[in-house]
């Protein structure tokens, strides 16, 4: 990996987290009165995404090969788009929240398995 690749991956990761934060926090704010449950789900989706990324980055920093493909990013973006365009955003936001925490659990389990193998 060249330093250019590292900078590109870093910029990609940061821009994705900023996008996630801006869109989901705005949705939480907009839905706070009309649908408090959907608002909470948006915040949980944001927290779960940050937690999953933390496990991934932390695991890699200690030498574990945490797999983080583009599939989970695509699914998260699709769920956000469906929440923005759908008639019932709460359903999609709760799905996003559950998916985010499942992704975080998967990444934590990858690190745990590597730790137990050493």
N, C-alpha and C. Protein backbone atom coordinates (compact mmCIF):
# COMPACT_ATOMS: atom_id res chain seq x y z
N UNK A 1 0.85 -1.18 0.00
CA UNK A 1 0.00 0.00 0.00
C UNK A 1 0.89 1.24 0.00
N UNK A 2 0.64 2.13 -0.90
CA UNK A 2 1.39 3.38 -0.96
C UNK A 2 0.74 4.39 -0.04
N UNK A 3 1.47 5.47 0.23
CA UNK A 3 0.90 6.51 1.10
C UNK A 3 -0.31 7.16 0.42
N UNK A 4 -0.30 7.19 -0.90
CA UNK A 4 -1.43 7.77 -1.64
C UNK A 4 -2.69 6.94 -1.41
N UNK A 5 -2.54 5.60 -1.41
CA UNK A 5 -3.69 4.73 -1.15
C UNK A 5 -4.21 4.96 0.26
N UNK A 6 -3.31 5.11 1.22
CA UNK A 6 -3.71 5.35 2.60
C UNK A 6 -4.46 6.65 2.75
N UNK A 7 -3.99 7.69 2.06
CA UNK A 7 -4.66 8.99 2.12
C UNK A 7 -6.04 8.89 1.48
N UNK A 8 -6.14 8.18 0.37
CA UNK A 8 -7.43 8.02 -0.29
C UNK A 8 -8.42 7.26 0.58
N UNK A 9 -7.95 6.19 1.22
CA UNK A 9 -8.84 5.43 2.10
C UNK A 9 -9.26 6.26 3.30
N UNK A 10 -8.33 7.03 3.84
CA UNK A 10 -8.65 7.89 4.98
C UNK A 10 -9.70 8.93 4.59
N UNK A 11 -9.48 9.59 3.45
CA UNK A 11 -10.42 10.61 2.98
C UNK A 11 -11.79 10.00 2.69
N UNK A 12 -11.80 8.80 2.12
CA UNK A 12 -13.05 8.11 1.84
C UNK A 12 -13.80 7.80 3.13
N UNK A 13 -13.07 7.31 4.11
CA UNK A 13 -13.69 6.96 5.39
C UNK A 13 -14.25 8.20 6.10
N UNK A 14 -13.47 9.26 6.10
CA UNK A 14 -13.91 10.50 6.76
C UNK A 14 -15.13 11.08 6.05
N UNK A 15 -15.10 11.12 4.73
CA UNK A 15 -16.23 11.70 4.00
C UNK A 15 -17.49 10.87 4.21
N UNK A 16 -17.34 9.56 4.30
CA UNK A 16 -18.50 8.70 4.55
C UNK A 16 -19.06 8.95 5.94
N UNK A 17 -18.21 9.10 6.95
CA UNK A 17 -18.68 9.36 8.31
C UNK A 17 -19.36 10.72 8.39
N UNK A 18 -18.83 11.72 7.69
CA UNK A 18 -19.44 13.05 7.69
C UNK A 18 -20.82 12.98 7.02
N UNK A 19 -20.89 12.30 5.88
CA UNK A 19 -22.17 12.13 5.19
C UNK A 19 -23.17 11.44 6.11
N UNK A 20 -22.74 10.36 6.73
CA UNK A 20 -23.59 9.61 7.65
C UNK A 20 -24.10 10.52 8.77
N UNK A 21 -23.20 11.27 9.37
CA UNK A 21 -23.55 12.15 10.48
C UNK A 21 -24.51 13.25 10.07
N UNK A 22 -24.24 13.86 8.94
CA UNK A 22 -25.09 14.96 8.48
C UNK A 22 -26.49 14.47 8.14
N UNK A 23 -26.58 13.41 7.35
CA UNK A 23 -27.89 12.94 6.90
C UNK A 23 -28.70 12.35 8.05
N UNK A 24 -28.09 11.47 8.84
CA UNK A 24 -28.86 10.81 9.89
C UNK A 24 -29.22 11.76 11.03
N UNK A 25 -28.33 12.68 11.38
CA UNK A 25 -28.69 13.63 12.43
C UNK A 25 -29.77 14.60 11.95
N UNK A 26 -29.72 14.98 10.67
CA UNK A 26 -30.78 15.83 10.12
C UNK A 26 -32.12 15.10 10.11
N UNK A 27 -32.09 13.80 9.77
CA UNK A 27 -33.33 13.02 9.78
C UNK A 27 -33.87 12.90 11.21
N UNK A 28 -32.96 12.67 12.16
CA UNK A 28 -33.39 12.57 13.56
C UNK A 28 -34.03 13.88 14.02
N UNK A 29 -33.44 14.98 13.64
CA UNK A 29 -33.97 16.29 14.03
C UNK A 29 -35.33 16.54 13.37
N UNK A 30 -35.44 16.21 12.09
CA UNK A 30 -36.69 16.46 11.35
C UNK A 30 -37.83 15.58 11.85
N UNK A 31 -37.51 14.38 12.32
CA UNK A 31 -38.54 13.43 12.74
C UNK A 31 -38.84 13.48 14.23
N UNK A 32 -38.16 14.34 14.97
CA UNK A 32 -38.24 14.30 16.43
C UNK A 32 -39.65 14.50 16.98
N UNK A 33 -40.46 15.34 16.35
CA UNK A 33 -41.82 15.58 16.83
C UNK A 33 -42.83 14.61 16.21
N UNK A 34 -42.72 14.40 14.91
CA UNK A 34 -43.69 13.57 14.21
C UNK A 34 -43.52 12.09 14.54
N UNK A 35 -42.28 11.65 14.69
CA UNK A 35 -42.03 10.22 14.94
C UNK A 35 -40.79 10.06 15.82
N UNK A 36 -40.96 10.17 17.13
CA UNK A 36 -39.80 10.06 18.03
C UNK A 36 -39.07 8.72 17.90
N UNK A 37 -39.81 7.66 17.61
CA UNK A 37 -39.17 6.35 17.44
C UNK A 37 -38.25 6.33 16.23
N UNK A 38 -38.69 6.91 15.14
CA UNK A 38 -37.85 6.98 13.94
C UNK A 38 -36.65 7.87 14.19
N UNK A 39 -36.85 8.94 14.95
CA UNK A 39 -35.74 9.83 15.31
C UNK A 39 -34.69 9.08 16.12
N UNK A 40 -35.14 8.29 17.08
CA UNK A 40 -34.21 7.49 17.89
C UNK A 40 -33.50 6.46 17.02
N UNK A 41 -34.22 5.86 16.09
CA UNK A 41 -33.61 4.87 15.19
C UNK A 41 -32.52 5.50 14.34
N UNK A 42 -32.73 6.73 13.87
CA UNK A 42 -31.71 7.41 13.08
C UNK A 42 -30.44 7.62 13.90
N UNK A 43 -30.61 8.02 15.16
CA UNK A 43 -29.45 8.23 16.03
C UNK A 43 -28.77 6.90 16.36
N UNK A 44 -29.55 5.85 16.55
CA UNK A 44 -28.95 4.53 16.80
C UNK A 44 -28.22 4.02 15.56
N UNK A 45 -28.77 4.28 14.38
CA UNK A 45 -28.09 3.91 13.14
C UNK A 45 -26.76 4.63 13.00
N UNK A 46 -26.74 5.89 13.39
CA UNK A 46 -25.51 6.66 13.36
C UNK A 46 -24.50 6.11 14.36
N UNK A 47 -24.96 5.82 15.57
CA UNK A 47 -24.07 5.28 16.60
C UNK A 47 -23.54 3.91 16.21
N UNK A 48 -24.41 3.06 15.68
CA UNK A 48 -23.97 1.73 15.26
C UNK A 48 -22.95 1.78 14.14
N UNK A 49 -23.14 2.70 13.20
CA UNK A 49 -22.17 2.86 12.11
C UNK A 49 -20.81 3.32 12.62
N UNK A 50 -20.83 4.24 13.56
CA UNK A 50 -19.57 4.71 14.15
C UNK A 50 -18.89 3.61 14.95
N UNK A 51 -19.67 2.82 15.67
CA UNK A 51 -19.13 1.72 16.45
C UNK A 51 -18.51 0.65 15.53
N UNK A 52 -19.19 0.33 14.45
CA UNK A 52 -18.66 -0.64 13.49
C UNK A 52 -17.34 -0.15 12.90
N UNK A 53 -17.29 1.11 12.55
CA UNK A 53 -16.05 1.68 12.00
C UNK A 53 -14.95 1.69 13.04
N UNK A 54 -15.29 1.98 14.28
CA UNK A 54 -14.30 1.97 15.35
C UNK A 54 -13.69 0.59 15.51
N UNK A 55 -14.54 -0.45 15.56
CA UNK A 55 -14.03 -1.81 15.69
C UNK A 55 -13.12 -2.17 14.53
N UNK A 56 -13.49 -1.74 13.34
CA UNK A 56 -12.69 -2.03 12.15
C UNK A 56 -11.32 -1.36 12.24
N UNK A 57 -11.31 -0.08 12.53
CA UNK A 57 -10.06 0.68 12.58
C UNK A 57 -9.20 0.23 13.75
N UNK A 58 -9.82 0.02 14.88
CA UNK A 58 -9.06 -0.41 16.07
C UNK A 58 -8.45 -1.80 15.86
N UNK A 59 -9.22 -2.69 15.27
CA UNK A 59 -8.70 -4.02 14.98
C UNK A 59 -7.53 -3.98 14.02
N UNK A 60 -7.65 -3.18 12.99
CA UNK A 60 -6.55 -3.06 12.02
C UNK A 60 -5.32 -2.42 12.65
N UNK A 61 -5.53 -1.51 13.61
CA UNK A 61 -4.38 -0.83 14.22
C UNK A 61 -3.53 -1.78 15.05
N UNK A 62 -4.11 -2.86 15.53
CA UNK A 62 -3.34 -3.84 16.30
C UNK A 62 -2.97 -5.05 15.46
N UNK A 63 -3.19 -4.96 14.15
CA UNK A 63 -2.71 -5.99 13.24
C UNK A 63 -3.71 -7.05 12.83
N UNK A 64 -4.97 -6.91 13.20
CA UNK A 64 -5.97 -7.89 12.80
C UNK A 64 -6.47 -7.57 11.40
N UNK A 65 -6.88 -8.59 10.69
CA UNK A 65 -7.38 -8.38 9.32
C UNK A 65 -8.91 -8.33 9.34
N UNK A 66 -9.42 -7.22 9.80
CA UNK A 66 -10.87 -7.02 9.86
C UNK A 66 -11.37 -6.74 8.45
N UNK A 67 -12.34 -7.52 8.03
CA UNK A 67 -12.87 -7.35 6.68
C UNK A 67 -14.02 -6.35 6.71
N UNK A 68 -13.87 -5.33 5.91
CA UNK A 68 -14.92 -4.31 5.79
C UNK A 68 -15.11 -4.02 4.31
N UNK A 69 -16.04 -4.70 3.70
CA UNK A 69 -16.26 -4.53 2.27
C UNK A 69 -17.19 -3.39 1.95
N UNK A 70 -17.40 -3.22 0.66
CA UNK A 70 -18.30 -2.16 0.21
C UNK A 70 -19.76 -2.59 0.31
N UNK A 71 -20.00 -3.87 0.53
CA UNK A 71 -21.37 -4.36 0.64
C UNK A 71 -22.14 -3.73 1.77
N UNK A 72 -21.51 -3.66 2.95
CA UNK A 72 -22.22 -3.07 4.08
C UNK A 72 -22.45 -1.58 3.87
N UNK A 73 -21.52 -0.91 3.23
CA UNK A 73 -21.71 0.52 2.94
C UNK A 73 -22.87 0.72 1.97
N UNK A 74 -22.94 -0.13 0.96
CA UNK A 74 -24.03 -0.04 -0.01
C UNK A 74 -25.38 -0.26 0.67
N UNK A 75 -25.46 -1.28 1.53
CA UNK A 75 -26.71 -1.56 2.22
C UNK A 75 -27.11 -0.39 3.11
N UNK A 76 -26.15 0.18 3.84
CA UNK A 76 -26.46 1.34 4.70
C UNK A 76 -26.98 2.50 3.87
N UNK A 77 -26.31 2.79 2.76
CA UNK A 77 -26.76 3.90 1.90
C UNK A 77 -28.14 3.63 1.32
N UNK A 78 -28.39 2.39 0.91
CA UNK A 78 -29.70 2.04 0.36
C UNK A 78 -30.79 2.21 1.41
N UNK A 79 -30.52 1.81 2.64
CA UNK A 79 -31.52 1.97 3.71
C UNK A 79 -31.79 3.44 4.01
N UNK A 80 -30.75 4.27 3.97
CA UNK A 80 -30.94 5.71 4.18
C UNK A 80 -31.77 6.31 3.05
N UNK A 81 -31.48 5.92 1.81
CA UNK A 81 -32.25 6.42 0.67
C UNK A 81 -33.71 5.98 0.78
N UNK A 82 -33.93 4.72 1.15
CA UNK A 82 -35.31 4.25 1.32
C UNK A 82 -36.02 5.01 2.43
N UNK A 83 -35.31 5.33 3.50
CA UNK A 83 -35.91 6.11 4.59
C UNK A 83 -36.25 7.51 4.13
N UNK A 84 -35.41 8.08 3.30
CA UNK A 84 -35.67 9.44 2.80
C UNK A 84 -36.83 9.47 1.82
N UNK A 85 -36.95 8.44 1.00
CA UNK A 85 -37.96 8.44 -0.05
C UNK A 85 -39.23 7.70 0.33
N UNK A 86 -39.17 6.86 1.33
CA UNK A 86 -40.29 6.00 1.67
C UNK A 86 -41.39 6.70 2.45
N UNK A 87 -42.53 6.04 2.47
CA UNK A 87 -43.67 6.58 3.20
C UNK A 87 -43.53 6.36 4.71
N UNK A 88 -42.80 5.33 5.09
CA UNK A 88 -42.61 5.05 6.52
C UNK A 88 -41.11 4.97 6.82
N UNK A 89 -40.50 6.11 7.08
CA UNK A 89 -39.05 6.11 7.31
C UNK A 89 -38.64 5.35 8.56
N UNK A 90 -39.53 5.24 9.53
CA UNK A 90 -39.20 4.54 10.77
C UNK A 90 -38.78 3.10 10.54
N UNK A 91 -39.49 2.42 9.64
CA UNK A 91 -39.17 1.01 9.35
C UNK A 91 -37.75 0.89 8.81
N UNK A 92 -37.42 1.75 7.86
CA UNK A 92 -36.09 1.70 7.24
C UNK A 92 -35.00 2.13 8.22
N UNK A 93 -35.31 3.11 9.06
CA UNK A 93 -34.31 3.56 10.03
C UNK A 93 -34.06 2.53 11.12
N UNK A 94 -35.10 1.82 11.55
CA UNK A 94 -34.90 0.75 12.52
C UNK A 94 -34.12 -0.40 11.90
N UNK A 95 -34.40 -0.68 10.62
CA UNK A 95 -33.62 -1.71 9.91
C UNK A 95 -32.17 -1.29 9.84
N UNK A 96 -31.92 -0.01 9.57
CA UNK A 96 -30.55 0.51 9.53
C UNK A 96 -29.88 0.37 10.90
N UNK A 97 -30.59 0.70 11.95
CA UNK A 97 -30.02 0.62 13.30
C UNK A 97 -29.63 -0.82 13.63
N UNK A 98 -30.52 -1.75 13.36
CA UNK A 98 -30.22 -3.17 13.63
C UNK A 98 -29.05 -3.63 12.79
N UNK A 99 -29.07 -3.30 11.49
CA UNK A 99 -27.98 -3.69 10.60
C UNK A 99 -26.65 -3.11 11.07
N UNK A 100 -26.66 -1.87 11.52
CA UNK A 100 -25.43 -1.21 11.98
C UNK A 100 -24.83 -1.93 13.18
N UNK A 101 -25.67 -2.28 14.13
CA UNK A 101 -25.16 -2.96 15.32
C UNK A 101 -24.76 -4.41 15.02
N UNK A 102 -25.44 -5.05 14.07
CA UNK A 102 -25.02 -6.39 13.65
C UNK A 102 -23.65 -6.32 12.96
N UNK A 103 -23.44 -5.30 12.16
CA UNK A 103 -22.14 -5.11 11.52
C UNK A 103 -21.06 -4.88 12.56
N UNK A 104 -21.36 -4.07 13.56
CA UNK A 104 -20.40 -3.82 14.64
C UNK A 104 -20.08 -5.12 15.38
N UNK A 105 -21.10 -5.92 15.66
CA UNK A 105 -20.89 -7.19 16.35
C UNK A 105 -20.06 -8.14 15.51
N UNK A 106 -20.29 -8.15 14.21
CA UNK A 106 -19.52 -9.01 13.31
C UNK A 106 -18.04 -8.61 13.32
N UNK A 107 -17.79 -7.33 13.24
CA UNK A 107 -16.39 -6.86 13.25
C UNK A 107 -15.72 -7.12 14.59
N UNK A 108 -16.46 -6.97 15.67
CA UNK A 108 -15.90 -7.27 16.99
C UNK A 108 -15.60 -8.77 17.10
N UNK A 109 -16.48 -9.60 16.54
CA UNK A 109 -16.24 -11.05 16.60
C UNK A 109 -15.05 -11.46 15.75
N UNK A 110 -14.81 -10.76 14.63
CA UNK A 110 -13.63 -11.03 13.82
C UNK A 110 -12.37 -10.76 14.63
N UNK A 111 -12.34 -9.65 15.34
CA UNK A 111 -11.19 -9.32 16.17
C UNK A 111 -11.03 -10.33 17.30
N UNK A 112 -12.14 -10.73 17.91
CA UNK A 112 -12.09 -11.70 19.00
C UNK A 112 -11.55 -13.04 18.52
N UNK A 113 -11.99 -13.48 17.35
CA UNK A 113 -11.50 -14.75 16.81
C UNK A 113 -10.00 -14.70 16.54
N UNK A 114 -9.53 -13.58 16.01
CA UNK A 114 -8.09 -13.45 15.76
C UNK A 114 -7.32 -13.40 17.07
N UNK A 115 -7.88 -12.76 18.07
CA UNK A 115 -7.22 -12.69 19.37
C UNK A 115 -7.12 -14.08 19.99
N UNK A 116 -8.17 -14.88 19.87
CA UNK A 116 -8.16 -16.23 20.44
C UNK A 116 -7.23 -17.17 19.67
N UNK A 117 -7.00 -16.86 18.38
CA UNK A 117 -6.12 -17.71 17.57
C UNK A 117 -4.64 -17.47 17.89
N UNK A 118 -4.33 -16.36 18.53
CA UNK A 118 -2.91 -16.09 18.84
C UNK A 118 -2.52 -16.61 20.19
